[in-house]
Amino acid sequence: LSKILALLFALTIHTLTLVLLYLGVMILIRYWPT
């Protein structure tokens, strides 16, 4: 159970990385060049 929960936690962290990347690109596109 601990290993499965750790894997799910890790996938959540990596998903957050993708979300940060997406937000950074979208903010630059939408609010450029403010």
PDB file of all heavy atoms in Angstrom:
ATOM      1  N   LEU A   1       0.825  -1.209   0.000  1.00  0.00           N
ATOM      2  CA  LEU A   1       0.000   0.000   0.000  1.00  0.00           C
ATOM      3  C   LEU A   1       0.857   1.257   0.000  1.00  0.00           C
ATOM      4  O   LEU A   1       0.560   2.220  -0.733  1.00  0.00           O
ATOM      5  CB  LEU A   1      -0.926  -0.007   1.220  1.00  0.00           C
ATOM      6  CG  LEU A   1      -1.870   1.209   1.357  1.00  0.00           C
ATOM      7  CD1 LEU A   1      -2.770   1.327   0.129  1.00  0.00           C
ATOM      8  CD2 LEU A   1      -2.694   1.094   2.636  1.00  0.00           C
ATOM      9  N   SER A   2       1.928   1.280   0.789  1.00  0.00           N
ATOM     10  CA  SER A   2       2.781   2.462   0.862  1.00  0.00           C
ATOM     11  C   SER A   2       3.417   2.759  -0.491  1.00  0.00           C
ATOM     12  O   SER A   2       3.492   3.921  -0.917  1.00  0.00           O
ATOM     13  CB  SER A   2       3.873   2.276   1.924  1.00  0.00           C
ATOM     14  OG  SER A   2       3.312   2.221   3.211  1.00  0.00           O
ATOM     15  N   LYS A   3       3.875   1.715  -1.169  1.00  0.00           N
ATOM     16  CA  LYS A   3       4.513   1.917  -2.471  1.00  0.00           C
ATOM     17  C   LYS A   3       3.508   2.413  -3.502  1.00  0.00           C
ATOM     18  O   LYS A   3       3.826   3.276  -4.335  1.00  0.00           O
ATOM     19  CB  LYS A   3       5.166   0.606  -2.934  1.00  0.00           C
ATOM     20  CG  LYS A   3       5.950   0.739  -4.216  1.00  0.00           C
ATOM     21  CD  LYS A   3       6.716  -0.533  -4.544  1.00  0.00           C
ATOM     22  CE  LYS A   3       7.859  -0.763  -3.570  1.00  0.00           C
ATOM     23  NZ  LYS A   3       8.717  -1.896  -3.978  1.00  0.00           N
ATOM     24  N   ILE A   4       2.277   1.895  -3.463  1.00  0.00           N
ATOM     25  CA  ILE A   4       1.242   2.355  -4.401  1.00  0.00           C
ATOM     26  C   ILE A   4       0.885   3.813  -4.132  1.00  0.00           C
ATOM     27  O   ILE A   4       0.776   4.624  -5.061  1.00  0.00           O
ATOM     28  CB  ILE A   4      -0.005   1.455  -4.294  1.00  0.00           C
ATOM     29  CG1 ILE A   4       0.327   0.036  -4.768  1.00  0.00           C
ATOM     30  CG2 ILE A   4      -1.160   2.035  -5.088  1.00  0.00           C
ATOM     31  CD1 ILE A   4      -0.790  -0.965  -4.543  1.00  0.00           C
ATOM     32  N   LEU A   5       0.721   4.171  -2.842  1.00  0.00           N
ATOM     33  CA  LEU A   5       0.405   5.563  -2.495  1.00  0.00           C
ATOM     34  C   LEU A   5       1.544   6.493  -2.890  1.00  0.00           C
ATOM     35  O   LEU A   5       1.306   7.608  -3.371  1.00  0.00           O
ATOM     36  CB  LEU A   5       0.117   5.672  -0.995  1.00  0.00           C
ATOM     37  CG  LEU A   5      -1.178   5.019  -0.511  1.00  0.00           C
ATOM     38  CD1 LEU A   5      -1.284   5.119   1.008  1.00  0.00           C
ATOM     39  CD2 LEU A   5      -2.398   5.668  -1.169  1.00  0.00           C
ATOM     40  N   ALA A   6       2.791   6.046  -2.691  1.00  0.00           N
ATOM     41  CA  ALA A   6       3.941   6.868  -3.078  1.00  0.00           C
ATOM     42  C   ALA A   6       3.967   7.082  -4.584  1.00  0.00           C
ATOM     43  O   ALA A   6       4.281   8.184  -5.066  1.00  0.00           O
ATOM     44  CB  ALA A   6       5.237   6.208  -2.608  1.00  0.00           C
ATOM     45  N   LEU A   7       3.630   6.037  -5.353  1.00  0.00           N
ATOM     46  CA  LEU A   7       3.594   6.165  -6.806  1.00  0.00           C
ATOM     47  C   LEU A   7       2.510   7.152  -7.235  1.00  0.00           C
ATOM     48  O   LEU A   7       2.735   8.004  -8.112  1.00  0.00           O
ATOM     49  CB  LEU A   7       3.356   4.800  -7.439  1.00  0.00           C
ATOM     50  CG  LEU A   7       3.252   4.770  -8.967  1.00  0.00           C
ATOM     51  CD1 LEU A   7       4.527   5.291  -9.603  1.00  0.00           C
ATOM     52  CD2 LEU A   7       2.947   3.362  -9.455  1.00  0.00           C
ATOM     53  N   LEU A   8       1.327   7.057  -6.616  1.00  0.00           N
ATOM     54  CA  LEU A   8       0.251   7.991  -6.944  1.00  0.00           C
ATOM     55  C   LEU A   8       0.645   9.424  -6.576  1.00  0.00           C
ATOM     56  O   LEU A   8       0.358  10.379  -7.320  1.00  0.00           O
ATOM     57  CB  LEU A   8      -1.022   7.584  -6.210  1.00  0.00           C
ATOM     58  CG  LEU A   8      -1.664   6.260  -6.653  1.00  0.00           C
ATOM     59  CD1 LEU A   8      -2.864   5.938  -5.772  1.00  0.00           C
ATOM     60  CD2 LEU A   8      -2.084   6.332  -8.120  1.00  0.00           C
ATOM     61  N   PHE A   9       1.285   9.586  -5.416  1.00  0.00           N
ATOM     62  CA  PHE A   9       1.758  10.901  -4.994  1.00  0.00           C
ATOM     63  C   PHE A   9       2.758  11.443  -6.009  1.00  0.00           C
ATOM     64  O   PHE A   9       2.726  12.621  -6.388  1.00  0.00           O
ATOM     65  CB  PHE A   9       2.401  10.783  -3.606  1.00  0.00           C
ATOM     66  CG  PHE A   9       2.595  12.094  -2.907  1.00  0.00           C
ATOM     67  CD1 PHE A   9       3.164  12.124  -1.646  1.00  0.00           C
ATOM     68  CD2 PHE A   9       2.234  13.302  -3.481  1.00  0.00           C
ATOM     69  CE1 PHE A   9       3.364  13.317  -0.969  1.00  0.00           C
ATOM     70  CE2 PHE A   9       2.417  14.498  -2.826  1.00  0.00           C
ATOM     71  CZ  PHE A   9       2.983  14.503  -1.578  1.00  0.00           C
ATOM     72  N   ALA A  10       3.685  10.574  -6.463  1.00  0.00           N
ATOM     73  CA  ALA A  10       4.691  10.992  -7.431  1.00  0.00           C
ATOM     74  C   ALA A  10       4.052  11.414  -8.753  1.00  0.00           C
ATOM     75  O   ALA A  10       4.442  12.426  -9.353  1.00  0.00           O
ATOM     76  CB  ALA A  10       5.683   9.851  -7.663  1.00  0.00           C
ATOM     77  N   LEU A  11       3.063  10.656  -9.206  1.00  0.00           N
ATOM     78  CA  LEU A  11       2.383  11.021 -10.451  1.00  0.00           C
ATOM     79  C   LEU A  11       1.657  12.356 -10.307  1.00  0.00           C
ATOM     80  O   LEU A  11       1.590  13.145 -11.258  1.00  0.00           O
ATOM     81  CB  LEU A  11       1.400   9.918 -10.843  1.00  0.00           C
ATOM     82  CG  LEU A  11       2.043   8.583 -11.259  1.00  0.00           C
ATOM     83  CD1 LEU A  11       0.974   7.531 -11.501  1.00  0.00           C
ATOM     84  CD2 LEU A  11       2.897   8.773 -12.509  1.00  0.00           C
ATOM     85  N   THR A  12       1.132  12.627  -9.095  1.00  0.00           N
ATOM     86  CA  THR A  12       0.493  13.919  -8.839  1.00  0.00           C
ATOM     87  C   THR A  12       1.509  15.047  -8.951  1.00  0.00           C
ATOM     88  O   THR A  12       1.226  16.108  -9.535  1.00  0.00           O
ATOM     89  CB  THR A  12      -0.145  13.929  -7.434  1.00  0.00           C
ATOM     90  OG1 THR A  12      -1.098  12.882  -7.337  1.00  0.00           O
ATOM     91  CG2 THR A  12      -0.822  15.268  -7.165  1.00  0.00           C
ATOM     92  N   ILE A  13       2.709  14.835  -8.405  1.00  0.00           N
ATOM     93  CA  ILE A  13       3.764  15.845  -8.484  1.00  0.00           C
ATOM     94  C   ILE A  13       4.154  16.101  -9.932  1.00  0.00           C
ATOM     95  O   ILE A  13       4.291  17.259 -10.367  1.00  0.00           O
ATOM     96  CB  ILE A  13       4.995  15.400  -7.672  1.00  0.00           C
ATOM     97  CG1 ILE A  13       4.643  15.233  -6.196  1.00  0.00           C
ATOM     98  CG2 ILE A  13       6.142  16.394  -7.839  1.00  0.00           C
ATOM     99  CD1 ILE A  13       4.134  16.487  -5.540  1.00  0.00           C
ATOM    100  N   HIS A  14       4.315  15.044 -10.714  1.00  0.00           N
ATOM    101  CA  HIS A  14       4.691  15.219 -12.113  1.00  0.00           C
ATOM    102  C   HIS A  14       3.564  15.881 -12.907  1.00  0.00           C
ATOM    103  O   HIS A  14       3.817  16.658 -13.835  1.00  0.00           O
ATOM    104  CB  HIS A  14       5.060  13.871 -12.726  1.00  0.00           C
ATOM    105  CG  HIS A  14       6.329  13.287 -12.166  1.00  0.00           C
ATOM    106  ND1 HIS A  14       7.491  14.013 -12.057  1.00  0.00           N
ATOM    107  CD2 HIS A  14       6.604  12.056 -11.670  1.00  0.00           C
ATOM    108  CE1 HIS A  14       8.440  13.254 -11.535  1.00  0.00           C
ATOM    109  NE2 HIS A  14       7.927  12.058 -11.283  1.00  0.00           N
ATOM    110  N   THR A  15       2.310  15.573 -12.540  1.00  0.00           N
ATOM    111  CA  THR A  15       1.180  16.247 -13.188  1.00  0.00           C
ATOM    112  C   THR A  15       1.203  17.736 -12.874  1.00  0.00           C
ATOM    113  O   THR A  15       0.935  18.573 -13.759  1.00  0.00           O
ATOM    114  CB  THR A  15      -0.151  15.630 -12.715  1.00  0.00           C
ATOM    115  OG1 THR A  15      -0.167  14.234 -13.038  1.00  0.00           O
ATOM    116  CG2 THR A  15      -1.331  16.327 -13.378  1.00  0.00           C
ATOM    117  N   LEU A  16       1.531  18.075 -11.632  1.00  0.00           N
ATOM    118  CA  LEU A  16       1.641  19.485 -11.255  1.00  0.00           C
ATOM    119  C   LEU A  16       2.712  20.188 -12.078  1.00  0.00           C
ATOM    120  O   LEU A  16       2.554  21.365 -12.440  1.00  0.00           O
ATOM    121  CB  LEU A  16       1.958  19.596  -9.763  1.00  0.00           C
ATOM    122  CG  LEU A  16       2.107  21.010  -9.191  1.00  0.00           C
ATOM    123  CD1 LEU A  16       0.826  21.827  -9.407  1.00  0.00           C
ATOM    124  CD2 LEU A  16       2.448  20.952  -7.703  1.00  0.00           C
ATOM    125  N   THR A  17       3.792  19.492 -12.386  1.00  0.00           N
ATOM    126  CA  THR A  17       4.839  20.069 -13.237  1.00  0.00           C
ATOM    127  C   THR A  17       4.285  20.432 -14.610  1.00  0.00           C
ATOM    128  O   THR A  17       4.560  21.516 -15.151  1.00  0.00           O
ATOM    129  CB  THR A  17       6.001  19.072 -13.381  1.00  0.00           C
ATOM    130  OG1 THR A  17       6.549  18.791 -12.098  1.00  0.00           O
ATOM    131  CG2 THR A  17       7.090  19.644 -14.277  1.00  0.00           C
ATOM    132  N   LEU A  18       3.487  19.525 -15.181  1.00  0.00           N
ATOM    133  CA  LEU A  18       2.871  19.800 -16.479  1.00  0.00           C
ATOM    134  C   LEU A  18       1.897  20.976 -16.389  1.00  0.00           C
ATOM    135  O   LEU A  18       1.816  21.805 -17.306  1.00  0.00           O
ATOM    136  CB  LEU A  18       2.156  18.554 -16.992  1.00  0.00           C
ATOM    137  CG  LEU A  18       3.048  17.348 -17.301  1.00  0.00           C
ATOM    138  CD1 LEU A  18       2.194  16.156 -17.725  1.00  0.00           C
ATOM    139  CD2 LEU A  18       4.044  17.697 -18.397  1.00  0.00           C
ATOM    140  N   VAL A  19       1.161  21.066 -15.272  1.00  0.00           N
ATOM    141  CA  VAL A  19       0.226  22.183 -15.085  1.00  0.00           C
ATOM    142  C   VAL A  19       0.991  23.498 -15.011  1.00  0.00           C
ATOM    143  O   VAL A  19       0.577  24.514 -15.614  1.00  0.00           O
ATOM    144  CB  VAL A  19      -0.612  21.968 -13.801  1.00  0.00           C
ATOM    145  CG1 VAL A  19      -1.420  23.219 -13.464  1.00  0.00           C
ATOM    146  CG2 VAL A  19      -1.542  20.771 -13.976  1.00  0.00           C
ATOM    147  N   LEU A  20       2.115  23.522 -14.288  1.00  0.00           N
ATOM    148  CA  LEU A  20       2.926  24.741 -14.193  1.00  0.00           C
ATOM    149  C   LEU A  20       3.449  25.152 -15.563  1.00  0.00           C
ATOM    150  O   LEU A  20       3.459  26.338 -15.909  1.00  0.00           O
ATOM    151  CB  LEU A  20       4.096  24.512 -13.231  1.00  0.00           C
ATOM    152  CG  LEU A  20       3.754  24.375 -11.745  1.00  0.00           C
ATOM    153  CD1 LEU A  20       4.989  23.961 -10.956  1.00  0.00           C
ATOM    154  CD2 LEU A  20       3.203  25.693 -11.200  1.00  0.00           C
ATOM    155  N   LEU A  21       3.873  24.171 -16.339  1.00  0.00           N
ATOM    156  CA  LEU A  21       4.352  24.454 -17.689  1.00  0.00           C
ATOM    157  C   LEU A  21       3.241  25.041 -18.546  1.00  0.00           C
ATOM    158  O   LEU A  21       3.436  26.037 -19.264  1.00  0.00           O
ATOM    159  CB  LEU A  21       4.902  23.178 -18.318  1.00  0.00           C
ATOM    160  CG  LEU A  21       5.385  23.269 -19.768  1.00  0.00           C
ATOM    161  CD1 LEU A  21       6.555  24.241 -19.879  1.00  0.00           C
ATOM    162  CD2 LEU A  21       5.788  21.891 -20.284  1.00  0.00           C
ATOM    163  N   TYR A  22       2.060  24.432 -18.467  1.00  0.00           N
ATOM    164  CA  TYR A  22       0.911  24.915 -19.239  1.00  0.00           C
ATOM    165  C   TYR A  22       0.525  26.336 -18.820  1.00  0.00           C
ATOM    166  O   TYR A  22       0.304  27.206 -19.681  1.00  0.00           O
ATOM    167  CB  TYR A  22      -0.270  23.963 -19.031  1.00  0.00           C
ATOM    168  CG  TYR A  22      -1.563  24.444 -19.642  1.00  0.00           C
ATOM    169  CD1 TYR A  22      -1.798  24.313 -21.010  1.00  0.00           C
ATOM    170  CD2 TYR A  22      -2.551  25.028 -18.852  1.00  0.00           C
ATOM    171  CE1 TYR A  22      -2.983  24.760 -21.576  1.00  0.00           C
ATOM    172  CE2 TYR A  22      -3.744  25.476 -19.414  1.00  0.00           C
ATOM    173  CZ  TYR A  22      -3.953  25.342 -20.769  1.00  0.00           C
ATOM    174  OH  TYR A  22      -5.129  25.789 -21.318  1.00  0.00           O
ATOM    175  N   LEU A  23       0.457  26.594 -17.514  1.00  0.00           N
ATOM    176  CA  LEU A  23       0.084  27.926 -17.045  1.00  0.00           C
ATOM    177  C   LEU A  23       1.098  28.964 -17.485  1.00  0.00           C
ATOM    178  O   LEU A  23       0.730  30.084 -17.881  1.00  0.00           O
ATOM    179  CB  LEU A  23      -0.040  27.930 -15.518  1.00  0.00           C
ATOM    180  CG  LEU A  23      -1.240  27.192 -14.925  1.00  0.00           C
ATOM    181  CD1 LEU A  23      -1.165  27.188 -13.404  1.00  0.00           C
ATOM    182  CD2 LEU A  23      -2.554  27.852 -15.388  1.00  0.00           C
ATOM    183  N   GLY A  24       2.396  28.627 -17.400  1.00  0.00           N
ATOM    184  CA  GLY A  24       3.426  29.576 -17.815  1.00  0.00           C
ATOM    185  C   GLY A  24       3.299  29.962 -19.270  1.00  0.00           C
ATOM    186  O   GLY A  24       3.362  31.149 -19.626  1.00  0.00           O
ATOM    187  N   VAL A  25       3.088  28.962 -20.132  1.00  0.00           N
ATOM    188  CA  VAL A  25       2.955  29.237 -21.565  1.00  0.00           C
ATOM    189  C   VAL A  25       1.689  30.049 -21.847  1.00  0.00           C
ATOM    190  O   VAL A  25       1.707  31.031 -22.604  1.00  0.00           O
ATOM    191  CB  VAL A  25       2.943  27.916 -22.353  1.00  0.00           C
ATOM    192  CG1 VAL A  25       2.603  28.177 -23.828  1.00  0.00           C
ATOM    193  CG2 VAL A  25       4.289  27.216 -22.238  1.00  0.00           C
ATOM    194  N   MET A  26       0.556  29.672 -21.234  1.00  0.00           N
ATOM    195  CA  MET A  26      -0.709  30.360 -21.478  1.00  0.00           C
ATOM    196  C   MET A  26      -0.678  31.808 -20.978  1.00  0.00           C
ATOM    197  O   MET A  26      -1.211  32.711 -21.633  1.00  0.00           O
ATOM    198  CB  MET A  26      -1.862  29.591 -20.816  1.00  0.00           C
ATOM    199  CG  MET A  26      -2.126  28.235 -21.424  1.00  0.00           C
ATOM    200  SD  MET A  26      -2.417  28.302 -23.222  1.00  0.00           S
ATOM    201  CE  MET A  26      -3.909  29.303 -23.281  1.00  0.00           C
ATOM    202  N   ILE A  27      -0.062  32.047 -19.820  1.00  0.00           N
ATOM    203  CA  ILE A  27       0.026  33.424 -19.298  1.00  0.00           C
ATOM    204  C   ILE A  27       0.875  34.288 -20.226  1.00  0.00           C
ATOM    205  O   ILE A  27       0.521  35.443 -20.522  1.00  0.00           O
ATOM    206  CB  ILE A  27       0.592  33.418 -17.870  1.00  0.00           C
ATOM    207  CG1 ILE A  27      -0.435  32.817 -16.902  1.00  0.00           C
ATOM    208  CG2 ILE A  27       0.969  34.834 -17.420  1.00  0.00           C
ATOM    209  CD1 ILE A  27       0.097  32.643 -15.488  1.00  0.00           C
ATOM    210  N   LEU A  28       1.998  33.735 -20.704  1.00  0.00           N
ATOM    211  CA  LEU A  28       2.849  34.502 -21.616  1.00  0.00           C
ATOM    212  C   LEU A  28       2.112  34.825 -22.915  1.00  0.00           C
ATOM    213  O   LEU A  28       2.210  35.941 -23.452  1.00  0.00           O
ATOM    214  CB  LEU A  28       4.121  33.712 -21.920  1.00  0.00           C
ATOM    215  CG  LEU A  28       5.183  33.681 -20.814  1.00  0.00           C
ATOM    216  CD1 LEU A  28       6.342  32.781 -21.225  1.00  0.00           C
ATOM    217  CD2 LEU A  28       5.697  35.094 -20.536  1.00  0.00           C
ATOM    218  N   ILE A  29       1.349  33.865 -23.440  1.00  0.00           N
ATOM    219  CA  ILE A  29       0.624  34.092 -24.695  1.00  0.00           C
ATOM    220  C   ILE A  29      -0.503  35.102 -24.506  1.00  0.00           C
ATOM    221  O   ILE A  29      -0.672  36.028 -25.312  1.00  0.00           O
ATOM    222  CB  ILE A  29       0.068  32.751 -25.225  1.00  0.00           C
ATOM    223  CG1 ILE A  29       1.216  31.828 -25.646  1.00  0.00           C
ATOM    224  CG2 ILE A  29      -0.881  32.997 -26.396  1.00  0.00           C
ATOM    225  CD1 ILE A  29       0.769  30.447 -26.074  1.00  0.00           C
ATOM    226  N   ARG A  30      -1.252  34.948 -23.415  1.00  0.00           N
ATOM    227  CA  ARG A  30      -2.443  35.779 -23.232  1.00  0.00           C
ATOM    228  C   ARG A  30      -2.113  37.206 -22.808  1.00  0.00           C
ATOM    229  O   ARG A  30      -2.772  38.160 -23.231  1.00  0.00           O
ATOM    230  CB  ARG A  30      -3.363  35.130 -22.204  1.00  0.00           C
ATOM    231  CG  ARG A  30      -4.673  35.899 -22.007  1.00  0.00           C
ATOM    232  CD  ARG A  30      -5.663  35.097 -21.223  1.00  0.00           C
ATOM    233  NE  ARG A  30      -6.936  35.789 -21.078  1.00  0.00           N
ATOM    234  CZ  ARG A  30      -7.998  35.291 -20.471  1.00  0.00           C
ATOM    235  NH1 ARG A  30      -7.926  34.059 -19.946  1.00  0.00           N
ATOM    236  NH2 ARG A  30      -9.129  35.974 -20.391  1.00  0.00           N
ATOM    237  N   TYR A  31      -1.096  37.369 -21.940  1.00  0.00           N
ATOM    238  CA  TYR A  31      -0.832  38.693 -21.371  1.00  0.00           C
ATOM    239  C   TYR A  31       0.446  39.334 -21.917  1.00  0.00           C
ATOM    240  O   TYR A  31       0.932  40.307 -21.366  1.00  0.00           O
ATOM    241  CB  TYR A  31      -0.743  38.593 -19.836  1.00  0.00           C
ATOM    242  CG  TYR A  31      -2.045  38.189 -19.216  1.00  0.00           C
ATOM    243  CD1 TYR A  31      -2.261  36.868 -18.800  1.00  0.00           C
ATOM    244  CD2 TYR A  31      -3.083  39.110 -19.048  1.00  0.00           C
ATOM    245  CE1 TYR A  31      -3.458  36.482 -18.236  1.00  0.00           C
ATOM    246  CE2 TYR A  31      -4.289  38.723 -18.476  1.00  0.00           C
ATOM    247  CZ  TYR A  31      -4.472  37.410 -18.072  1.00  0.00           C
ATOM    248  OH  TYR A  31      -5.674  37.037 -17.502  1.00  0.00           O
ATOM    249  N   TRP A  32       1.000  38.782 -22.968  1.00  0.00           N
ATOM    250  CA  TRP A  32       2.177  39.390 -23.596  1.00  0.00           C
ATOM    251  C   TRP A  32       1.792  40.705 -24.252  1.00  0.00           C
ATOM    252  O   TRP A  32       0.730  40.806 -24.876  1.00  0.00           O
ATOM    253  CB  TRP A  32       2.739  38.416 -24.642  1.00  0.00           C
ATOM    254  CG  TRP A  32       4.006  38.904 -25.274  1.00  0.00           C
ATOM    255  CD1 TRP A  32       4.128  39.696 -26.382  1.00  0.00           C
ATOM    256  CD2 TRP A  32       5.326  38.646 -24.822  1.00  0.00           C
ATOM    257  NE1 TRP A  32       5.429  39.937 -26.661  1.00  0.00           N
ATOM    258  CE2 TRP A  32       6.203  39.299 -25.710  1.00  0.00           C
ATOM    259  CE3 TRP A  32       5.859  37.933 -23.761  1.00  0.00           C
ATOM    260  CZ2 TRP A  32       7.589  39.269 -25.577  1.00  0.00           C
ATOM    261  CZ3 TRP A  32       7.225  37.886 -23.621  1.00  0.00           C
ATOM    262  CH2 TRP A  32       8.081  38.548 -24.513  1.00  0.00           C
ATOM    263  N   PRO A  33       2.576  41.791 -24.128  1.00  0.00           N
ATOM    264  CA  PRO A  33       3.868  41.867 -23.444  1.00  0.00           C
ATOM    265  C   PRO A  33       3.785  42.646 -22.130  1.00  0.00           C
ATOM    266  O   PRO A  33       4.676  43.441 -21.832  1.00  0.00           O
ATOM    267  CB  PRO A  33       4.720  42.612 -24.464  1.00  0.00           C
ATOM    268  CG  PRO A  33       3.750  43.607 -25.066  1.00  0.00           C
ATOM    269  CD  PRO A  33       2.382  42.986 -24.995  1.00  0.00           C
ATOM    270  N   THR A  34       2.720  42.482 -21.359  1.00  0.00           N
ATOM    271  CA  THR A  34       2.596  43.225 -20.107  1.00  0.00           C
ATOM    272  C   THR A  34       3.662  42.741 -19.095  1.00  0.00           C
ATOM    273  O   THR A  34       4.124  41.602 -19.142  1.00  0.00           O
ATOM    274  CB  THR A  34       1.206  43.022 -19.482  1.00  0.00           C
ATOM    275  OG1 THR A  34       1.040  41.639 -19.145  1.00  0.00           O
ATOM    276  CG2 THR A  34       0.110  43.448 -20.464  1.00  0.00           C
TER     277      THR A  34
END
